[in-house]
Amino acid sequence: MLPSLPTLTVLVPLLSLAGLFYSASVDENFPQGCTSSNSLCFYSLLLPVTIPVYVFFHLWTWMGIKLFRHN
């Protein structure tokens, strides 16, 4: 069963922040290592940016379908 939206809204940023702090404390080349796609830091920075973009384009698609049906 999937967690509810309010739970995910809190859980995803907290997990990303934990991954970022873990990368900052463990990785030797922290700021430069965030550009590598096999780094945890890369994904902990990518995840909070990806979710709002996905929601925006999902709503944009839904609005386009609604406008197309009603015109």
PDB file of N, CA and C in Angstrom:
ATOM      1  N   MET A   1       0.834  -1.171   0.000  1.00  0.00           N
ATOM      2  CA  MET A   1       0.000   0.000   0.000  1.00  0.00           C
ATOM      3  C   MET A   1       0.888   1.246   0.000  1.00  0.00           C
ATOM      4  N   LEU A   2       0.532   2.216  -0.823  1.00  0.00           N
ATOM      5  CA  LEU A   2       1.310   3.447  -0.927  1.00  0.00           C
ATOM      6  C   LEU A   2       0.953   4.407   0.196  1.00  0.00           C
ATOM      7  N   PRO A   3       1.931   5.141   0.690  1.00  0.00           N
ATOM      8  CA  PRO A   3       1.631   6.164   1.706  1.00  0.00           C
ATOM      9  C   PRO A   3       0.791   7.294   1.103  1.00  0.00           C
ATOM     10  N   SER A   4       0.114   8.013   1.951  1.00  0.00           N
ATOM     11  CA  SER A   4      -0.731   9.112   1.482  1.00  0.00           C
ATOM     12  C   SER A   4       0.131  10.288   1.016  1.00  0.00           C
ATOM     13  N   LEU A   5      -0.504  11.218   0.318  1.00  0.00           N
ATOM     14  CA  LEU A   5       0.205  12.372  -0.223  1.00  0.00           C
ATOM     15  C   LEU A   5       0.813  13.257   0.867  1.00  0.00           C
ATOM     16  N   PRO A   6       0.101  13.558   1.975  1.00  0.00           N
ATOM     17  CA  PRO A   6       0.760  14.350   3.027  1.00  0.00           C
ATOM     18  C   PRO A   6       1.981  13.659   3.632  1.00  0.00           C
ATOM     19  N   THR A   7       1.908  12.347   3.732  1.00  0.00           N
ATOM     20  CA  THR A   7       3.063  11.604   4.251  1.00  0.00           C
ATOM     21  C   THR A   7       4.238  11.706   3.289  1.00  0.00           C
ATOM     22  N   LEU A   8       3.977  11.551   1.998  1.00  0.00           N
ATOM     23  CA  LEU A   8       5.049  11.663   1.003  1.00  0.00           C
ATOM     24  C   LEU A   8       5.604  13.077   0.922  1.00  0.00           C
ATOM     25  N   THR A   9       4.734  14.068   1.134  1.00  0.00           N
ATOM     26  CA  THR A   9       5.168  15.459   1.091  1.00  0.00           C
ATOM     27  C   THR A   9       6.194  15.747   2.178  1.00  0.00           C
ATOM     28  N   VAL A  10       6.078  15.079   3.291  1.00  0.00           N
ATOM     29  CA  VAL A  10       7.031  15.261   4.390  1.00  0.00           C
ATOM     30  C   VAL A  10       8.201  14.301   4.261  1.00  0.00           C
ATOM     31  N   LEU A  11       7.927  13.081   3.827  1.00  0.00           N
ATOM     32  CA  LEU A  11       8.941  12.033   3.820  1.00  0.00           C
ATOM     33  C   LEU A  11      10.013  12.246   2.744  1.00  0.00           C
ATOM     34  N   VAL A  12       9.615  12.640   1.547  1.00  0.00           N
ATOM     35  CA  VAL A  12      10.578  12.797   0.448  1.00  0.00           C
ATOM     36  C   VAL A  12      11.614  13.880   0.740  1.00  0.00           C
ATOM     37  N   PRO A  13      11.224  15.098   1.177  1.00  0.00           N
ATOM     38  CA  PRO A  13      12.268  16.083   1.498  1.00  0.00           C
ATOM     39  C   PRO A  13      13.154  15.664   2.664  1.00  0.00           C
ATOM     40  N   LEU A  14      12.585  14.972   3.655  1.00  0.00           N
ATOM     41  CA  LEU A  14      13.408  14.523   4.779  1.00  0.00           C
ATOM     42  C   LEU A  14      14.422  13.474   4.336  1.00  0.00           C
ATOM     43  N   LEU A  15      14.017  12.555   3.484  1.00  0.00           N
ATOM     44  CA  LEU A  15      14.962  11.559   2.980  1.00  0.00           C
ATOM     45  C   LEU A  15      16.032  12.206   2.099  1.00  0.00           C
ATOM     46  N   SER A  16      15.636  13.179   1.301  1.00  0.00           N
ATOM     47  CA  SER A  16      16.617  13.883   0.476  1.00  0.00           C
ATOM     48  C   SER A  16      17.610  14.661   1.329  1.00  0.00           C
ATOM     49  N   LEU A  17      17.106  15.302   2.364  1.00  0.00           N
ATOM     50  CA  LEU A  17      17.984  16.047   3.269  1.00  0.00           C
ATOM     51  C   LEU A  17      18.927  15.108   4.020  1.00  0.00           C
ATOM     52  N   ALA A  18      18.418  13.955   4.428  1.00  0.00           N
ATOM     53  CA  ALA A  18      19.278  12.977   5.093  1.00  0.00           C
ATOM     54  C   ALA A  18      20.362  12.474   4.143  1.00  0.00           C
ATOM     55  N   GLY A  19      20.007  12.222   2.875  1.00  0.00           N
ATOM     56  CA  GLY A  19      21.000  11.795   1.887  1.00  0.00           C
ATOM     57  C   GLY A  19      22.032  12.863   1.617  1.00  0.00           C
ATOM     58  N   LEU A  20      21.596  14.114   1.598  1.00  0.00           N
ATOM     59  CA  LEU A  20      22.531  15.215   1.379  1.00  0.00           C
ATOM     60  C   LEU A  20      23.496  15.371   2.549  1.00  0.00           C
ATOM     61  N   PHE A  21      22.975  15.286   3.773  1.00  0.00           N
ATOM     62  CA  PHE A  21      23.849  15.360   4.948  1.00  0.00           C
ATOM     63  C   PHE A  21      24.797  14.169   5.018  1.00  0.00           C
ATOM     64  N   TYR A  22      24.313  12.992   4.638  1.00  0.00           N
ATOM     65  CA  TYR A  22      25.181  11.812   4.613  1.00  0.00           C
ATOM     66  C   TYR A  22      26.310  12.009   3.603  1.00  0.00           C
ATOM     67  N   SER A  23      25.966  12.515   2.424  1.00  0.00           N
ATOM     68  CA  SER A  23      27.001  12.761   1.409  1.00  0.00           C
ATOM     69  C   SER A  23      27.989  13.820   1.869  1.00  0.00           C
ATOM     70  N   ALA A  24      27.494  14.849   2.540  1.00  0.00           N
ATOM     71  CA  ALA A  24      28.384  15.919   3.004  1.00  0.00           C
ATOM     72  C   ALA A  24      29.334  15.420   4.072  1.00  0.00           C
ATOM     73  N   SER A  25      28.900  14.480   4.891  1.00  0.00           N
ATOM     74  CA  SER A  25      29.759  14.014   5.974  1.00  0.00           C
ATOM     75  C   SER A  25      30.688  12.880   5.545  1.00  0.00           C
ATOM     76  N   VAL A  26      30.307  12.090   4.548  1.00  0.00           N
ATOM     77  CA  VAL A  26      31.102  10.911   4.177  1.00  0.00           C
ATOM     78  C   VAL A  26      31.974  11.158   2.946  1.00  0.00           C
ATOM     79  N   ASP A  27      31.435  11.826   1.954  1.00  0.00           N
ATOM     80  CA  ASP A  27      32.151  12.003   0.682  1.00  0.00           C
ATOM     81  C   ASP A  27      33.278  13.015   0.838  1.00  0.00           C
ATOM     82  N   GLU A  28      34.465  12.669   0.310  1.00  0.00           N
ATOM     83  CA  GLU A  28      35.619  13.558   0.437  1.00  0.00           C
ATOM     84  C   GLU A  28      35.483  14.779  -0.474  1.00  0.00           C
ATOM     85  N   ASN A  29      35.029  14.566  -1.684  1.00  0.00           N
ATOM     86  CA  ASN A  29      34.898  15.680  -2.634  1.00  0.00           C
ATOM     87  C   ASN A  29      33.416  16.015  -2.784  1.00  0.00           C
ATOM     88  N   PHE A  30      32.823  16.520  -1.719  1.00  0.00           N
ATOM     89  CA  PHE A  30      31.364  16.705  -1.659  1.00  0.00           C
ATOM     90  C   PHE A  30      30.806  17.630  -2.730  1.00  0.00           C
ATOM     91  N   PRO A  31      31.223  18.876  -2.831  1.00  0.00           N
ATOM     92  CA  PRO A  31      30.526  19.707  -3.831  1.00  0.00           C
ATOM     93  C   PRO A  31      30.782  19.258  -5.261  1.00  0.00           C
ATOM     94  N   GLN A  32      31.992  18.799  -5.572  1.00  0.00           N
ATOM     95  CA  GLN A  32      32.291  18.383  -6.935  1.00  0.00           C
ATOM     96  C   GLN A  32      31.735  16.996  -7.229  1.00  0.00           C
ATOM     97  N   GLY A  33      31.537  16.175  -6.198  1.00  0.00           N
ATOM     98  CA  GLY A  33      31.025  14.820  -6.394  1.00  0.00           C
ATOM     99  C   GLY A  33      29.553  14.765  -6.701  1.00  0.00           C
ATOM    100  N   CYS A  34      28.848  15.879  -6.543  1.00  0.00           N
ATOM    101  CA  CYS A  34      27.405  15.891  -6.807  1.00  0.00           C
ATOM    102  C   CYS A  34      27.082  15.838  -8.292  1.00  0.00           C
ATOM    103  N   THR A  35      28.067  15.981  -9.160  1.00  0.00           N
ATOM    104  CA  THR A  35      27.806  15.942 -10.593  1.00  0.00           C
ATOM    105  C   THR A  35      27.832  14.520 -11.139  1.00  0.00           C
ATOM    106  N   SER A  36      28.347  13.576 -10.402  1.00  0.00           N
ATOM    107  CA  SER A  36      28.412  12.195 -10.846  1.00  0.00           C
ATOM    108  C   SER A  36      27.073  11.502 -10.599  1.00  0.00           C
ATOM    109  N   SER A  37      26.576  10.768 -11.584  1.00  0.00           N
ATOM    110  CA  SER A  37      25.259  10.136 -11.448  1.00  0.00           C
ATOM    111  C   SER A  37      25.276   8.894 -10.561  1.00  0.00           C
ATOM    112  N   ASN A  38      26.441   8.416 -10.150  1.00  0.00           N
ATOM    113  CA  ASN A  38      26.482   7.280  -9.235  1.00  0.00           C
ATOM    114  C   ASN A  38      26.672   7.732  -7.788  1.00  0.00           C
ATOM    115  N   SER A  39      26.466   9.005  -7.524  1.00  0.00           N
ATOM    116  CA  SER A  39      26.612   9.557  -6.189  1.00  0.00           C
ATOM    117  C   SER A  39      25.254   9.722  -5.526  1.00  0.00           C
ATOM    118  N   LEU A  40      25.189   9.468  -4.234  1.00  0.00           N
ATOM    119  CA  LEU A  40      23.959   9.673  -3.474  1.00  0.00           C
ATOM    120  C   LEU A  40      23.602  11.146  -3.417  1.00  0.00           C
ATOM    121  N   CYS A  41      24.604  12.001  -3.410  1.00  0.00           N
ATOM    122  CA  CYS A  41      24.382  13.452  -3.371  1.00  0.00           C
ATOM    123  C   CYS A  41      23.631  13.921  -4.599  1.00  0.00           C
ATOM    124  N   PHE A  42      23.952  13.366  -5.757  1.00  0.00           N
ATOM    125  CA  PHE A  42      23.284  13.746  -6.997  1.00  0.00           C
ATOM    126  C   PHE A  42      21.786  13.488  -6.910  1.00  0.00           C
ATOM    127  N   TYR A  43      21.415  12.326  -6.414  1.00  0.00           N
ATOM    128  CA  TYR A  43      20.005  11.974  -6.337  1.00  0.00           C
ATOM    129  C   TYR A  43      19.296  12.691  -5.196  1.00  0.00           C
ATOM    130  N   SER A  44      20.001  13.001  -4.127  1.00  0.00           N
ATOM    131  CA  SER A  44      19.357  13.743  -3.044  1.00  0.00           C
ATOM    132  C   SER A  44      19.100  15.194  -3.444  1.00  0.00           C
ATOM    133  N   LEU A  45      19.835  15.713  -4.410  1.00  0.00           N
ATOM    134  CA  LEU A  45      19.541  17.037  -4.951  1.00  0.00           C
ATOM    135  C   LEU A  45      18.525  16.968  -6.091  1.00  0.00           C
ATOM    136  N   LEU A  46      18.508  15.876  -6.823  1.00  0.00           N
ATOM    137  CA  LEU A  46      17.619  15.737  -7.968  1.00  0.00           C
ATOM    138  C   LEU A  46      16.179  15.465  -7.554  1.00  0.00           C
ATOM    139  N   LEU A  47      15.980  14.692  -6.509  1.00  0.00           N
ATOM    140  CA  LEU A  47      14.631  14.280  -6.111  1.00  0.00           C
ATOM    141  C   LEU A  47      13.722  15.433  -5.723  1.00  0.00           C
ATOM    142  N   PRO A  48      14.145  16.391  -4.894  1.00  0.00           N
ATOM    143  CA  PRO A  48      13.227  17.487  -4.560  1.00  0.00           C
ATOM    144  C   PRO A  48      12.892  18.381  -5.752  1.00  0.00           C
ATOM    145  N   VAL A  49      13.746  18.413  -6.757  1.00  0.00           N
ATOM    146  CA  VAL A  49      13.472  19.229  -7.935  1.00  0.00           C
ATOM    147  C   VAL A  49      12.537  18.483  -8.894  1.00  0.00           C
ATOM    148  N   THR A  50      12.665  17.176  -8.963  1.00  0.00           N
ATOM    149  CA  THR A  50      11.896  16.389  -9.913  1.00  0.00           C
ATOM    150  C   THR A  50      10.416  16.345  -9.562  1.00  0.00           C
ATOM    151  N   ILE A  51      10.075  16.251  -8.301  1.00  0.00           N
ATOM    152  CA  ILE A  51       8.681  16.081  -7.897  1.00  0.00           C
ATOM    153  C   ILE A  51       7.821  17.289  -8.264  1.00  0.00           C
ATOM    154  N   PRO A  52       8.211  18.539  -7.948  1.00  0.00           N
ATOM    155  CA  PRO A  52       7.360  19.657  -8.381  1.00  0.00           C
ATOM    156  C   PRO A  52       7.251  19.784  -9.897  1.00  0.00           C
ATOM    157  N   VAL A  53       8.315  19.464 -10.617  1.00  0.00           N
ATOM    158  CA  VAL A  53       8.268  19.520 -12.079  1.00  0.00           C
ATOM    159  C   VAL A  53       7.290  18.476 -12.601  1.00  0.00           C
ATOM    160  N   TYR A  54       7.311  17.289 -12.041  1.00  0.00           N
ATOM    161  CA  TYR A  54       6.375  16.239 -12.444  1.00  0.00           C
ATOM    162  C   TYR A  54       4.935  16.664 -12.165  1.00  0.00           C
ATOM    163  N   VAL A  55       4.688  17.225 -10.993  1.00  0.00           N
ATOM    164  CA  VAL A  55       3.335  17.664 -10.645  1.00  0.00           C
ATOM    165  C   VAL A  55       2.884  18.764 -11.596  1.00  0.00           C
ATOM    166  N   PHE A  56       3.753  19.713 -11.897  1.00  0.00           N
ATOM    167  CA  PHE A  56       3.399  20.794 -12.809  1.00  0.00           C
ATOM    168  C   PHE A  56       3.009  20.247 -14.176  1.00  0.00           C
ATOM    169  N   PHE A  57       3.812  19.370 -14.758  1.00  0.00           N
ATOM    170  CA  PHE A  57       3.513  18.864 -16.091  1.00  0.00           C
ATOM    171  C   PHE A  57       2.328  17.911 -16.088  1.00  0.00           C
ATOM    172  N   HIS A  58       2.114  17.208 -14.990  1.00  0.00           N
ATOM    173  CA  HIS A  58       0.928  16.367 -14.872  1.00  0.00           C
ATOM    174  C   HIS A  58      -0.331  17.239 -14.878  1.00  0.00           C
ATOM    175  N   LEU A  59      -0.317  18.321 -14.106  1.00  0.00           N
ATOM    176  CA  LEU A  59      -1.459  19.229 -14.095  1.00  0.00           C
ATOM    177  C   LEU A  59      -1.614  19.939 -15.437  1.00  0.00           C
ATOM    178  N   TRP A  60      -0.516  20.277 -16.097  1.00  0.00           N
ATOM    179  CA  TRP A  60      -0.564  20.916 -17.409  1.00  0.00           C
ATOM    180  C   TRP A  60      -1.225  19.990 -18.425  1.00  0.00           C
ATOM    181  N   THR A  61      -0.880  18.701 -18.394  1.00  0.00           N
ATOM    182  CA  THR A  61      -1.475  17.722 -19.293  1.00  0.00           C
ATOM    183  C   THR A  61      -2.960  17.560 -19.000  1.00  0.00           C
ATOM    184  N   TRP A  62      -3.303  17.476 -17.730  1.00  0.00           N
ATOM    185  CA  TRP A  62      -4.702  17.351 -17.341  1.00  0.00           C
ATOM    186  C   TRP A  62      -5.505  18.559 -17.804  1.00  0.00           C
ATOM    187  N   MET A  63      -4.962  19.742 -17.648  1.00  0.00           N
ATOM    188  CA  MET A  63      -5.658  20.956 -18.075  1.00  0.00           C
ATOM    189  C   MET A  63      -5.809  20.975 -19.597  1.00  0.00           C
ATOM    190  N   GLY A  64      -4.811  20.527 -20.312  1.00  0.00           N
ATOM    191  CA  GLY A  64      -4.913  20.443 -21.766  1.00  0.00           C
ATOM    192  C   GLY A  64      -5.996  19.484 -22.209  1.00  0.00           C
ATOM    193  N   ILE A  65      -6.099  18.346 -21.541  1.00  0.00           N
ATOM    194  CA  ILE A  65      -7.149  17.386 -21.870  1.00  0.00           C
ATOM    195  C   ILE A  65      -8.522  17.983 -21.568  1.00  0.00           C
ATOM    196  N   LYS A  66      -8.651  18.666 -20.441  1.00  0.00           N
ATOM    197  CA  LYS A  66      -9.932  19.293 -20.086  1.00  0.00           C
ATOM    198  C   LYS A  66     -10.322  20.352 -21.106  1.00  0.00           C
ATOM    199  N   LEU A  67      -9.374  21.199 -21.510  1.00  0.00           N
ATOM    200  CA  LEU A  67      -9.674  22.234 -22.491  1.00  0.00           C
ATOM    201  C   LEU A  67     -10.022  21.640 -23.851  1.00  0.00           C
ATOM    202  N   PHE A  68      -9.347  20.549 -24.224  1.00  0.00           N
ATOM    203  CA  PHE A  68      -9.614  19.919 -25.502  1.00  0.00           C
ATOM    204  C   PHE A  68     -11.012  19.299 -25.532  1.00  0.00           C
ATOM    205  N   ARG A  69     -11.433  18.693 -24.445  1.00  0.00           N
ATOM    206  CA  ARG A  69     -12.747  18.046 -24.393  1.00  0.00           C
ATOM    207  C   ARG A  69     -13.889  19.056 -24.404  1.00  0.00           C
ATOM    208  N   HIS A  70     -13.693  20.212 -23.767  1.00  0.00           N
ATOM    209  CA  HIS A  70     -14.780  21.162 -23.620  1.00  0.00           C
ATOM    210  C   HIS A  70     -14.848  22.197 -24.733  1.00  0.00           C
ATOM    211  N   ASN A  71     -13.934  22.154 -25.677  1.00  0.00           N
ATOM    212  CA  ASN A  71     -13.988  23.111 -26.800  1.00  0.00           C
ATOM    213  C   ASN A  71     -14.352  22.420 -28.077  1.00  0.00           C
TER     214      ASN A  71
END
